N, C-alpha and C. Protein backbone atom coordinates (compact mmCIF):
# COMPACT_ATOMS: atom_id res chain seq x y z
N MET A 1 32.96 12.32 33.38
CA MET A 1 34.39 12.17 33.15
C MET A 1 35.16 13.02 34.15
N LYS A 2 36.12 12.41 34.81
CA LYS A 2 36.97 13.15 35.74
C LYS A 2 38.17 13.74 35.00
N ILE A 3 38.50 14.99 35.34
CA ILE A 3 39.64 15.64 34.71
C ILE A 3 40.58 16.19 35.79
N ALA A 4 41.87 16.27 35.43
CA ALA A 4 42.86 16.95 36.26
C ALA A 4 43.26 18.22 35.52
N VAL A 5 43.23 19.35 36.21
CA VAL A 5 43.57 20.62 35.59
C VAL A 5 44.92 21.09 36.13
N PHE A 6 45.86 21.34 35.21
CA PHE A 6 47.21 21.78 35.57
C PHE A 6 47.31 23.30 35.40
N VAL A 7 47.85 23.98 36.41
CA VAL A 7 47.89 25.44 36.42
C VAL A 7 49.25 25.95 36.91
N SER A 8 49.54 27.21 36.55
CA SER A 8 50.75 27.85 37.05
C SER A 8 50.50 29.25 37.59
N GLY A 9 49.33 29.84 37.27
CA GLY A 9 49.11 31.24 37.62
C GLY A 9 47.73 31.51 38.20
N GLY A 10 47.06 32.50 37.59
CA GLY A 10 45.80 33.01 38.13
C GLY A 10 44.63 32.06 38.05
N GLY A 11 44.64 31.18 37.08
CA GLY A 11 43.57 30.18 36.99
C GLY A 11 42.28 30.67 36.36
N THR A 12 42.36 31.64 35.45
CA THR A 12 41.13 32.13 34.81
C THR A 12 40.47 31.04 33.96
N ASN A 13 41.27 30.22 33.30
CA ASN A 13 40.68 29.13 32.50
C ASN A 13 40.16 28.01 33.40
N LEU A 14 40.81 27.80 34.54
CA LEU A 14 40.27 26.86 35.54
C LEU A 14 38.89 27.35 35.97
N GLN A 15 38.78 28.65 36.24
CA GLN A 15 37.50 29.22 36.67
C GLN A 15 36.43 29.04 35.60
N ALA A 16 36.84 29.20 34.33
CA ALA A 16 35.88 29.01 33.23
C ALA A 16 35.35 27.58 33.21
N ILE A 17 36.22 26.62 33.48
CA ILE A 17 35.78 25.21 33.54
C ILE A 17 34.83 25.00 34.72
N ILE A 18 35.20 25.54 35.88
CA ILE A 18 34.35 25.43 37.07
C ILE A 18 32.97 26.03 36.79
N ASP A 19 32.96 27.21 36.18
CA ASP A 19 31.68 27.89 35.89
C ASP A 19 30.82 27.08 34.92
N ASN A 20 31.47 26.45 33.94
CA ASN A 20 30.73 25.64 32.96
C ASN A 20 30.22 24.33 33.56
N ILE A 21 30.89 23.83 34.58
CA ILE A 21 30.38 22.66 35.30
C ILE A 21 29.15 23.08 36.10
N LYS A 22 29.26 24.23 36.79
CA LYS A 22 28.14 24.71 37.61
C LYS A 22 26.91 25.05 36.78
N SER A 23 27.14 25.57 35.56
CA SER A 23 26.01 25.97 34.71
C SER A 23 25.30 24.77 34.08
N GLY A 24 25.98 23.62 34.10
CA GLY A 24 25.40 22.42 33.49
C GLY A 24 25.90 22.16 32.08
N PHE A 25 26.66 23.10 31.51
CA PHE A 25 27.22 22.88 30.17
C PHE A 25 28.15 21.66 30.18
N LEU A 26 28.93 21.53 31.26
CA LEU A 26 29.79 20.36 31.43
C LEU A 26 29.19 19.46 32.51
N SER A 27 27.99 19.01 32.27
CA SER A 27 27.23 18.27 33.29
C SER A 27 27.85 16.92 33.63
N ASP A 28 28.61 16.34 32.71
CA ASP A 28 29.21 15.02 32.95
C ASP A 28 30.69 15.12 33.29
N VAL A 29 31.15 16.30 33.71
CA VAL A 29 32.57 16.51 33.99
C VAL A 29 32.77 16.87 35.46
N GLU A 30 33.80 16.29 36.06
CA GLU A 30 34.17 16.60 37.44
C GLU A 30 35.67 16.86 37.49
N ILE A 31 36.08 17.94 38.13
CA ILE A 31 37.52 18.20 38.34
C ILE A 31 37.94 17.41 39.57
N SER A 32 38.72 16.36 39.36
CA SER A 32 39.11 15.51 40.49
C SER A 32 40.41 15.98 41.14
N LEU A 33 41.17 16.84 40.43
CA LEU A 33 42.44 17.32 40.98
C LEU A 33 42.90 18.56 40.23
N VAL A 34 43.44 19.52 40.99
CA VAL A 34 44.16 20.65 40.40
C VAL A 34 45.64 20.48 40.76
N VAL A 35 46.50 20.49 39.75
CA VAL A 35 47.95 20.36 39.96
C VAL A 35 48.59 21.70 39.64
N ALA A 36 49.29 22.27 40.61
CA ALA A 36 49.97 23.55 40.41
C ALA A 36 51.48 23.36 40.38
N SER A 37 52.14 24.15 39.53
CA SER A 37 53.60 24.06 39.43
C SER A 37 54.30 24.90 40.49
N ASN A 38 53.53 25.75 41.19
CA ASN A 38 54.11 26.54 42.26
C ASN A 38 53.04 26.89 43.30
N GLN A 39 53.48 27.09 44.53
CA GLN A 39 52.54 27.30 45.63
C GLN A 39 51.89 28.68 45.62
N ASP A 40 52.40 29.60 44.81
CA ASP A 40 51.85 30.95 44.77
C ASP A 40 50.75 31.12 43.72
N ALA A 41 50.43 30.07 43.00
CA ALA A 41 49.41 30.16 41.95
C ALA A 41 48.05 30.48 42.57
N TYR A 42 47.42 31.56 42.12
CA TYR A 42 46.11 31.94 42.65
C TYR A 42 45.05 30.88 42.30
N ALA A 43 45.34 30.10 41.28
CA ALA A 43 44.43 29.01 40.91
C ALA A 43 44.17 28.07 42.08
N LEU A 44 45.14 27.93 42.99
CA LEU A 44 44.96 27.08 44.17
C LEU A 44 43.86 27.62 45.07
N THR A 45 43.75 28.95 45.15
CA THR A 45 42.67 29.57 45.92
C THR A 45 41.33 29.26 45.28
N ARG A 46 41.26 29.35 43.95
CA ARG A 46 40.02 29.02 43.24
C ARG A 46 39.62 27.57 43.51
N ALA A 47 40.60 26.67 43.51
CA ALA A 47 40.31 25.26 43.78
C ALA A 47 39.76 25.10 45.20
N ALA A 48 40.41 25.73 46.17
CA ALA A 48 39.99 25.62 47.57
C ALA A 48 38.57 26.16 47.76
N GLU A 49 38.28 27.29 47.12
CA GLU A 49 36.95 27.91 47.26
C GLU A 49 35.84 27.03 46.68
N ASN A 50 36.23 26.11 45.79
CA ASN A 50 35.24 25.22 45.17
C ASN A 50 35.39 23.77 45.63
N ASN A 51 36.12 23.61 46.74
CA ASN A 51 36.29 22.27 47.35
C ASN A 51 36.87 21.24 46.38
N ILE A 52 37.81 21.69 45.57
CA ILE A 52 38.47 20.79 44.62
C ILE A 52 39.85 20.42 45.19
N PRO A 53 40.18 19.13 45.28
CA PRO A 53 41.49 18.74 45.78
C PRO A 53 42.61 19.32 44.91
N SER A 54 43.70 19.73 45.56
CA SER A 54 44.82 20.29 44.80
C SER A 54 46.14 19.83 45.39
N VAL A 55 47.16 19.92 44.57
CA VAL A 55 48.50 19.55 45.01
C VAL A 55 49.51 20.43 44.28
N VAL A 56 50.58 20.80 44.98
CA VAL A 56 51.67 21.57 44.37
C VAL A 56 52.80 20.59 44.08
N LEU A 57 53.17 20.50 42.81
CA LEU A 57 54.26 19.61 42.41
C LEU A 57 55.28 20.42 41.63
N SER A 58 56.20 21.04 42.35
CA SER A 58 57.25 21.85 41.73
C SER A 58 58.47 20.99 41.43
N LYS A 59 59.02 21.15 40.24
CA LYS A 59 60.21 20.39 39.87
C LYS A 59 61.35 20.61 40.86
N LYS A 60 61.41 21.81 41.42
CA LYS A 60 62.49 22.15 42.36
C LYS A 60 62.45 21.31 43.63
N ALA A 61 61.28 20.76 43.94
CA ALA A 61 61.13 20.00 45.18
C ALA A 61 61.60 18.55 45.04
N PHE A 62 61.99 18.15 43.82
CA PHE A 62 62.40 16.77 43.57
C PHE A 62 63.88 16.73 43.18
N GLU A 63 64.50 15.59 43.46
CA GLU A 63 65.94 15.49 43.20
C GLU A 63 66.25 15.47 41.70
N ASN A 64 65.30 15.01 40.90
CA ASN A 64 65.48 15.06 39.44
C ASN A 64 64.12 15.05 38.75
N ASN A 65 64.14 15.28 37.44
CA ASN A 65 62.89 15.36 36.68
C ASN A 65 62.15 14.03 36.63
N ASP A 66 62.87 12.92 36.65
CA ASP A 66 62.22 11.61 36.62
C ASP A 66 61.37 11.39 37.87
N ALA A 67 61.93 11.78 39.02
CA ALA A 67 61.19 11.62 40.27
C ALA A 67 59.93 12.48 40.26
N TRP A 68 60.08 13.69 39.76
CA TRP A 68 58.93 14.59 39.63
C TRP A 68 57.87 14.01 38.69
N ASP A 69 58.33 13.53 37.54
CA ASP A 69 57.44 12.96 36.53
C ASP A 69 56.64 11.79 37.11
N MET A 70 57.32 10.91 37.84
CA MET A 70 56.66 9.74 38.43
C MET A 70 55.62 10.16 39.46
N GLU A 71 55.92 11.20 40.23
CA GLU A 71 54.97 11.67 41.25
C GLU A 71 53.74 12.30 40.62
N VAL A 72 53.94 13.03 39.53
CA VAL A 72 52.80 13.63 38.81
C VAL A 72 51.89 12.52 38.28
N VAL A 73 52.48 11.51 37.66
CA VAL A 73 51.70 10.37 37.16
C VAL A 73 50.91 9.73 38.30
N ALA A 74 51.57 9.50 39.42
CA ALA A 74 50.94 8.85 40.56
C ALA A 74 49.74 9.65 41.08
N LYS A 75 49.94 10.97 41.22
CA LYS A 75 48.86 11.82 41.76
C LYS A 75 47.66 11.88 40.81
N VAL A 76 47.93 11.97 39.51
CA VAL A 76 46.82 12.03 38.55
C VAL A 76 46.06 10.72 38.53
N LYS A 77 46.79 9.60 38.53
CA LYS A 77 46.12 8.29 38.53
C LYS A 77 45.30 8.10 39.80
N GLU A 78 45.87 8.53 40.92
CA GLU A 78 45.19 8.43 42.21
C GLU A 78 43.86 9.19 42.21
N SER A 79 43.82 10.30 41.47
CA SER A 79 42.61 11.13 41.42
C SER A 79 41.52 10.52 40.53
N GLY A 80 41.90 9.55 39.72
CA GLY A 80 40.94 8.91 38.82
C GLY A 80 40.68 9.70 37.54
N ALA A 81 41.48 10.73 37.30
CA ALA A 81 41.27 11.58 36.11
C ALA A 81 41.51 10.80 34.83
N GLU A 82 40.61 11.01 33.86
CA GLU A 82 40.74 10.37 32.54
C GLU A 82 41.35 11.33 31.52
N LEU A 83 41.29 12.63 31.82
CA LEU A 83 41.79 13.65 30.91
C LEU A 83 42.58 14.67 31.71
N ILE A 84 43.72 15.10 31.16
CA ILE A 84 44.50 16.18 31.78
C ILE A 84 44.31 17.43 30.94
N VAL A 85 43.97 18.54 31.61
CA VAL A 85 43.76 19.82 30.93
C VAL A 85 44.83 20.80 31.40
N LEU A 86 45.68 21.23 30.49
CA LEU A 86 46.69 22.24 30.82
C LEU A 86 46.05 23.61 30.61
N ALA A 87 45.84 24.33 31.71
CA ALA A 87 45.15 25.62 31.66
C ALA A 87 46.09 26.70 32.18
N GLY A 88 47.00 27.13 31.31
CA GLY A 88 48.00 28.09 31.74
C GLY A 88 49.09 27.43 32.55
N TYR A 89 49.50 26.24 32.14
CA TYR A 89 50.55 25.48 32.81
C TYR A 89 51.85 25.68 32.05
N LEU A 90 52.89 26.17 32.75
CA LEU A 90 54.07 26.65 32.05
C LEU A 90 55.24 25.67 32.02
N SER A 91 55.12 24.52 32.68
CA SER A 91 56.22 23.55 32.66
C SER A 91 56.02 22.53 31.54
N LEU A 92 57.12 22.11 30.94
CA LEU A 92 57.04 21.03 29.95
C LEU A 92 56.79 19.73 30.69
N LEU A 93 55.79 18.97 30.26
CA LEU A 93 55.46 17.72 30.94
C LEU A 93 56.56 16.69 30.78
N GLY A 94 56.61 15.78 31.74
CA GLY A 94 57.59 14.71 31.67
C GLY A 94 57.16 13.62 30.70
N PRO A 95 58.12 12.85 30.16
CA PRO A 95 57.82 11.82 29.17
C PRO A 95 56.93 10.70 29.70
N LYS A 96 57.06 10.35 30.98
CA LYS A 96 56.22 9.28 31.55
C LYS A 96 54.75 9.70 31.54
N LEU A 97 54.48 10.93 31.93
CA LEU A 97 53.09 11.40 31.95
C LEU A 97 52.52 11.46 30.54
N VAL A 98 53.30 11.99 29.61
CA VAL A 98 52.84 12.10 28.22
C VAL A 98 52.55 10.72 27.64
N HIS A 99 53.40 9.75 27.96
CA HIS A 99 53.20 8.38 27.46
C HIS A 99 51.99 7.74 28.13
N GLU A 100 51.89 7.89 29.44
CA GLU A 100 50.82 7.26 30.22
C GLU A 100 49.45 7.80 29.82
N PHE A 101 49.40 9.09 29.47
CA PHE A 101 48.12 9.72 29.11
C PHE A 101 48.13 10.17 27.64
N SER A 102 48.68 9.32 26.79
CA SER A 102 48.75 9.62 25.36
C SER A 102 47.36 9.91 24.79
N ASN A 103 47.24 11.03 24.09
CA ASN A 103 45.96 11.49 23.52
C ASN A 103 44.89 11.74 24.58
N ARG A 104 45.33 11.96 25.82
CA ARG A 104 44.41 12.30 26.90
C ARG A 104 44.91 13.52 27.67
N ILE A 105 45.73 14.33 26.99
CA ILE A 105 46.20 15.60 27.56
C ILE A 105 45.92 16.69 26.54
N ILE A 106 45.23 17.77 26.97
CA ILE A 106 44.99 18.88 26.07
C ILE A 106 45.55 20.17 26.67
N ASN A 107 45.86 21.11 25.80
CA ASN A 107 46.43 22.39 26.21
C ASN A 107 45.72 23.53 25.48
N ILE A 108 45.59 24.66 26.15
CA ILE A 108 45.06 25.87 25.51
C ILE A 108 46.24 26.81 25.27
N HIS A 109 46.41 27.22 24.00
CA HIS A 109 47.51 28.12 23.64
C HIS A 109 46.94 29.45 23.13
N PRO A 110 47.47 30.58 23.61
CA PRO A 110 46.88 31.88 23.26
C PRO A 110 47.34 32.45 21.92
N ALA A 111 47.27 31.65 20.89
CA ALA A 111 47.56 32.08 19.51
C ALA A 111 47.04 31.00 18.57
N LEU A 112 47.07 31.30 17.28
CA LEU A 112 46.59 30.34 16.29
C LEU A 112 47.76 29.50 15.79
N ILE A 113 47.94 28.34 16.41
CA ILE A 113 49.00 27.42 16.01
C ILE A 113 48.83 27.05 14.54
N PRO A 114 49.89 26.98 13.72
CA PRO A 114 51.30 26.93 14.09
C PRO A 114 52.01 28.28 14.20
N SER A 115 51.29 29.39 14.22
CA SER A 115 51.93 30.69 14.39
C SER A 115 52.09 31.02 15.88
N PHE A 116 53.17 31.71 16.21
CA PHE A 116 53.39 32.25 17.54
C PHE A 116 53.26 31.20 18.64
N CYS A 117 53.98 30.10 18.45
CA CYS A 117 53.94 29.02 19.44
C CYS A 117 55.34 28.44 19.61
N GLY A 118 55.44 27.45 20.47
CA GLY A 118 56.73 26.81 20.73
C GLY A 118 57.33 27.27 22.04
N ALA A 119 58.56 26.83 22.30
CA ALA A 119 59.23 27.14 23.57
C ALA A 119 59.32 28.65 23.78
N GLY A 120 58.99 29.07 24.97
CA GLY A 120 59.08 30.49 25.31
C GLY A 120 57.87 31.32 24.94
N MET A 121 56.96 30.75 24.16
CA MET A 121 55.77 31.50 23.74
C MET A 121 54.61 31.22 24.71
N TYR A 122 54.60 31.94 25.79
CA TYR A 122 53.55 31.78 26.79
C TYR A 122 53.25 33.14 27.42
N GLY A 123 52.14 33.19 28.16
CA GLY A 123 51.79 34.44 28.83
C GLY A 123 51.52 35.56 27.85
N ILE A 124 52.17 36.68 28.06
CA ILE A 124 51.96 37.86 27.23
C ILE A 124 52.76 37.80 25.92
N ARG A 125 53.74 36.91 25.86
CA ARG A 125 54.69 36.91 24.74
C ARG A 125 54.06 36.67 23.36
N PRO A 126 53.13 35.71 23.21
CA PRO A 126 52.52 35.55 21.88
C PRO A 126 51.81 36.81 21.41
N HIS A 127 51.18 37.53 22.33
CA HIS A 127 50.43 38.74 21.97
C HIS A 127 51.39 39.87 21.57
N GLU A 128 52.51 39.94 22.26
CA GLU A 128 53.54 40.92 21.88
C GLU A 128 54.07 40.62 20.48
N ALA A 129 54.28 39.33 20.21
CA ALA A 129 54.81 38.91 18.91
C ALA A 129 53.80 39.17 17.79
N VAL A 130 52.52 38.93 18.08
CA VAL A 130 51.45 39.18 17.12
C VAL A 130 51.43 40.65 16.71
N LEU A 131 51.48 41.54 17.70
CA LEU A 131 51.42 42.97 17.41
C LEU A 131 52.69 43.44 16.69
N LYS A 132 53.82 42.90 17.09
CA LYS A 132 55.09 43.27 16.45
C LYS A 132 55.11 42.86 14.98
N ARG A 133 54.48 41.72 14.68
CA ARG A 133 54.47 41.22 13.29
C ARG A 133 53.39 41.90 12.46
N GLY A 134 52.41 42.47 13.12
CA GLY A 134 51.37 43.19 12.39
C GLY A 134 50.30 42.30 11.77
N VAL A 135 50.11 41.10 12.33
CA VAL A 135 49.06 40.24 11.78
C VAL A 135 47.69 40.82 12.14
N LYS A 136 46.70 40.48 11.36
CA LYS A 136 45.38 41.10 11.51
C LYS A 136 44.39 40.22 12.28
N VAL A 137 44.74 38.95 12.47
CA VAL A 137 43.85 38.01 13.17
C VAL A 137 44.70 37.19 14.14
N SER A 138 44.21 37.04 15.35
CA SER A 138 44.85 36.12 16.29
C SER A 138 43.75 35.34 17.00
N GLY A 139 44.10 34.62 18.05
CA GLY A 139 43.07 33.83 18.72
C GLY A 139 43.68 32.82 19.65
N ALA A 140 43.02 31.67 19.77
CA ALA A 140 43.49 30.62 20.67
C ALA A 140 43.30 29.25 20.02
N THR A 141 44.07 28.29 20.50
CA THR A 141 44.06 26.92 19.98
C THR A 141 44.01 25.93 21.13
N VAL A 142 43.14 24.94 21.04
CA VAL A 142 43.19 23.79 21.94
C VAL A 142 43.76 22.62 21.14
N HIS A 143 44.78 21.98 21.70
CA HIS A 143 45.42 20.87 20.98
C HIS A 143 45.80 19.76 21.95
N PHE A 144 45.97 18.56 21.41
CA PHE A 144 46.51 17.48 22.20
C PHE A 144 47.99 17.73 22.44
N VAL A 145 48.50 17.17 23.51
CA VAL A 145 49.89 17.42 23.91
C VAL A 145 50.74 16.19 23.63
N ASN A 146 51.90 16.44 23.01
CA ASN A 146 52.92 15.39 22.88
C ASN A 146 54.20 15.87 23.57
N GLU A 147 55.33 15.30 23.21
CA GLU A 147 56.58 15.60 23.92
C GLU A 147 57.12 17.00 23.62
N ASN A 148 56.63 17.63 22.56
CA ASN A 148 57.17 18.93 22.15
C ASN A 148 56.13 20.03 22.35
N TYR A 149 56.61 21.23 22.63
CA TYR A 149 55.71 22.37 22.84
C TYR A 149 54.81 22.60 21.62
N ASP A 150 53.50 22.58 21.86
CA ASP A 150 52.51 23.05 20.88
C ASP A 150 52.52 22.31 19.54
N GLU A 151 52.91 21.03 19.55
CA GLU A 151 53.01 20.29 18.28
C GLU A 151 51.97 19.19 18.12
N GLY A 152 51.15 18.94 19.14
CA GLY A 152 50.15 17.88 19.05
C GLY A 152 48.99 18.26 18.16
N PRO A 153 48.14 17.29 17.80
CA PRO A 153 47.01 17.55 16.90
C PRO A 153 46.09 18.66 17.42
N ILE A 154 45.70 19.55 16.51
CA ILE A 154 44.83 20.68 16.84
C ILE A 154 43.38 20.20 16.90
N ILE A 155 42.68 20.58 17.98
CA ILE A 155 41.28 20.16 18.15
C ILE A 155 40.33 21.30 17.78
N MET A 156 40.51 22.46 18.39
CA MET A 156 39.65 23.61 18.11
C MET A 156 40.47 24.89 18.06
N GLN A 157 40.01 25.82 17.24
CA GLN A 157 40.60 27.15 17.19
C GLN A 157 39.48 28.19 17.09
N LYS A 158 39.74 29.36 17.66
CA LYS A 158 38.80 30.48 17.52
C LYS A 158 39.61 31.75 17.35
N ALA A 159 39.15 32.61 16.45
CA ALA A 159 39.91 33.81 16.09
C ALA A 159 39.16 35.08 16.47
N VAL A 160 39.94 36.14 16.67
CA VAL A 160 39.40 37.49 16.82
C VAL A 160 40.25 38.43 15.96
N ASP A 161 39.68 39.55 15.57
CA ASP A 161 40.45 40.55 14.84
C ASP A 161 41.43 41.23 15.79
N VAL A 162 42.61 41.52 15.26
CA VAL A 162 43.56 42.35 15.99
C VAL A 162 43.26 43.80 15.62
N LEU A 163 42.97 44.63 16.61
CA LEU A 163 42.54 45.99 16.37
C LEU A 163 43.71 46.96 16.39
N PRO A 164 43.60 48.07 15.65
CA PRO A 164 44.72 49.01 15.51
C PRO A 164 45.25 49.56 16.83
N ASP A 165 44.36 49.73 17.82
CA ASP A 165 44.81 50.32 19.08
C ASP A 165 45.07 49.27 20.17
N ASP A 166 45.15 48.00 19.78
CA ASP A 166 45.42 46.94 20.76
C ASP A 166 46.80 47.10 21.39
N THR A 167 46.86 46.86 22.68
CA THR A 167 48.13 46.62 23.38
C THR A 167 48.20 45.12 23.63
N PRO A 168 49.38 44.59 23.98
CA PRO A 168 49.46 43.16 24.28
C PRO A 168 48.47 42.76 25.38
N GLU A 169 48.32 43.62 26.39
CA GLU A 169 47.45 43.30 27.52
C GLU A 169 45.98 43.29 27.11
N VAL A 170 45.56 44.26 26.29
CA VAL A 170 44.18 44.33 25.82
C VAL A 170 43.86 43.13 24.94
N LEU A 171 44.78 42.80 24.04
CA LEU A 171 44.59 41.64 23.15
C LEU A 171 44.53 40.35 23.96
N GLN A 172 45.41 40.23 24.95
CA GLN A 172 45.43 39.04 25.80
C GLN A 172 44.09 38.82 26.49
N LYS A 173 43.52 39.90 27.05
CA LYS A 173 42.24 39.79 27.76
C LYS A 173 41.11 39.42 26.82
N ARG A 174 41.12 40.00 25.61
CA ARG A 174 40.04 39.71 24.66
C ARG A 174 40.11 38.26 24.19
N ILE A 175 41.31 37.79 23.90
CA ILE A 175 41.48 36.40 23.45
C ILE A 175 41.12 35.43 24.57
N MET A 176 41.48 35.79 25.81
CA MET A 176 41.15 34.94 26.95
C MET A 176 39.64 34.78 27.08
N LYS A 177 38.94 35.92 27.00
CA LYS A 177 37.49 35.92 27.22
C LYS A 177 36.72 35.37 26.03
N GLU A 178 37.07 35.81 24.82
CA GLU A 178 36.27 35.46 23.65
C GLU A 178 36.71 34.17 22.97
N CYS A 179 37.93 33.72 23.23
CA CYS A 179 38.44 32.50 22.57
C CYS A 179 38.73 31.38 23.57
N GLU A 180 39.71 31.61 24.45
CA GLU A 180 40.14 30.55 25.35
C GLU A 180 39.00 30.00 26.20
N GLN A 181 38.23 30.91 26.83
CA GLN A 181 37.20 30.47 27.76
C GLN A 181 35.95 29.95 27.05
N VAL A 182 35.96 30.00 25.71
CA VAL A 182 34.89 29.41 24.91
C VAL A 182 35.28 28.02 24.41
N ILE A 183 36.47 27.93 23.80
CA ILE A 183 36.82 26.66 23.15
C ILE A 183 37.40 25.63 24.11
N LEU A 184 37.94 26.05 25.26
CA LEU A 184 38.45 25.04 26.20
C LEU A 184 37.30 24.22 26.80
N PRO A 185 36.26 24.85 27.36
CA PRO A 185 35.12 24.05 27.84
C PRO A 185 34.44 23.26 26.71
N ALA A 186 34.36 23.86 25.51
CA ALA A 186 33.72 23.17 24.38
C ALA A 186 34.49 21.91 24.00
N THR A 187 35.81 21.99 24.04
CA THR A 187 36.64 20.83 23.73
C THR A 187 36.47 19.74 24.78
N ILE A 188 36.49 20.13 26.04
CA ILE A 188 36.30 19.16 27.12
C ILE A 188 34.96 18.44 26.96
N LYS A 189 33.93 19.19 26.62
CA LYS A 189 32.60 18.60 26.41
C LYS A 189 32.62 17.58 25.28
N LYS A 190 33.25 17.93 24.16
CA LYS A 190 33.31 17.02 23.01
C LYS A 190 34.08 15.74 23.37
N ILE A 191 35.17 15.89 24.11
CA ILE A 191 35.96 14.71 24.50
C ILE A 191 35.15 13.84 25.46
N ALA A 192 34.45 14.47 26.40
CA ALA A 192 33.62 13.72 27.36
C ALA A 192 32.53 12.94 26.64
N GLU A 193 32.05 13.49 25.52
CA GLU A 193 31.00 12.84 24.75
C GLU A 193 31.56 11.83 23.73
N GLY A 194 32.88 11.68 23.71
CA GLY A 194 33.50 10.75 22.77
C GLY A 194 33.47 11.23 21.33
N LYS A 195 33.43 12.55 21.14
CA LYS A 195 33.27 13.10 19.80
C LYS A 195 34.54 13.72 19.23
N VAL A 196 35.69 13.31 19.77
CA VAL A 196 36.98 13.73 19.20
C VAL A 196 37.79 12.48 18.88
N VAL A 197 38.17 12.34 17.63
CA VAL A 197 38.98 11.19 17.21
C VAL A 197 40.24 11.69 16.51
N ILE A 198 41.30 10.88 16.57
CA ILE A 198 42.55 11.23 15.91
C ILE A 198 42.83 10.23 14.80
N GLU A 199 43.01 10.77 13.60
CA GLU A 199 43.36 9.94 12.44
C GLU A 199 44.56 10.55 11.74
N ASN A 200 45.61 9.77 11.58
CA ASN A 200 46.83 10.25 10.90
C ASN A 200 47.35 11.54 11.51
N ASN A 201 47.33 11.58 12.86
CA ASN A 201 47.82 12.73 13.63
C ASN A 201 46.98 14.00 13.43
N ILE A 202 45.76 13.84 12.94
CA ILE A 202 44.84 14.97 12.79
C ILE A 202 43.61 14.68 13.67
N ALA A 203 43.27 15.66 14.51
CA ALA A 203 42.10 15.51 15.38
C ALA A 203 40.85 15.93 14.62
N LYS A 204 39.83 15.10 14.70
CA LYS A 204 38.54 15.40 14.05
C LYS A 204 37.46 15.49 15.11
N VAL A 205 36.68 16.57 15.03
CA VAL A 205 35.59 16.79 15.97
C VAL A 205 34.28 16.42 15.29
N ILE A 206 33.55 15.49 15.91
CA ILE A 206 32.28 15.02 15.34
C ILE A 206 31.14 15.89 15.88
N ASN A 207 30.40 16.49 14.98
CA ASN A 207 29.27 17.34 15.40
C ASN A 207 27.97 16.55 15.41
């Protein structure tokens, strides 16, 4: 299965996917395209180092969002990707892309949806909010993407304890390593194997 990975920053989750392809865990998966929202994303370097085609599609470079949306759809289709993986991608997708790839776009969110999610909850912010609220468990969620932030069907979640001496940065790194980089490749594998189905807006994973 060919996938397109969308990135905005360092690309640690992109690297986790690359590593899982190399290890054979994702033996039937190929990254056919990396799409970056800005040219400064270090994820582009990771793509280049692994000979993965990439493209920068910044909204600012287009006269309007529709033109940008159409170009994103065109580039993904051109790559032959069957699944879009948002791996730290900070732009809201356009309606054409969401419609064209309905139930074929997944996102990794650094909290346990429906808590600490929605517009503005990205990067370090969910972890800051978790610590401010004093919750005892946090983690990550992989979900399908629809037109609204973090509202699509939940596929997988993994939790870690929030420790008394956690800072937002320490919690972020632990969730990235122990949750995000575990369940994102696992979800991709299940989808590639045809083991994720959606019924009544609920995603079910077949073991």
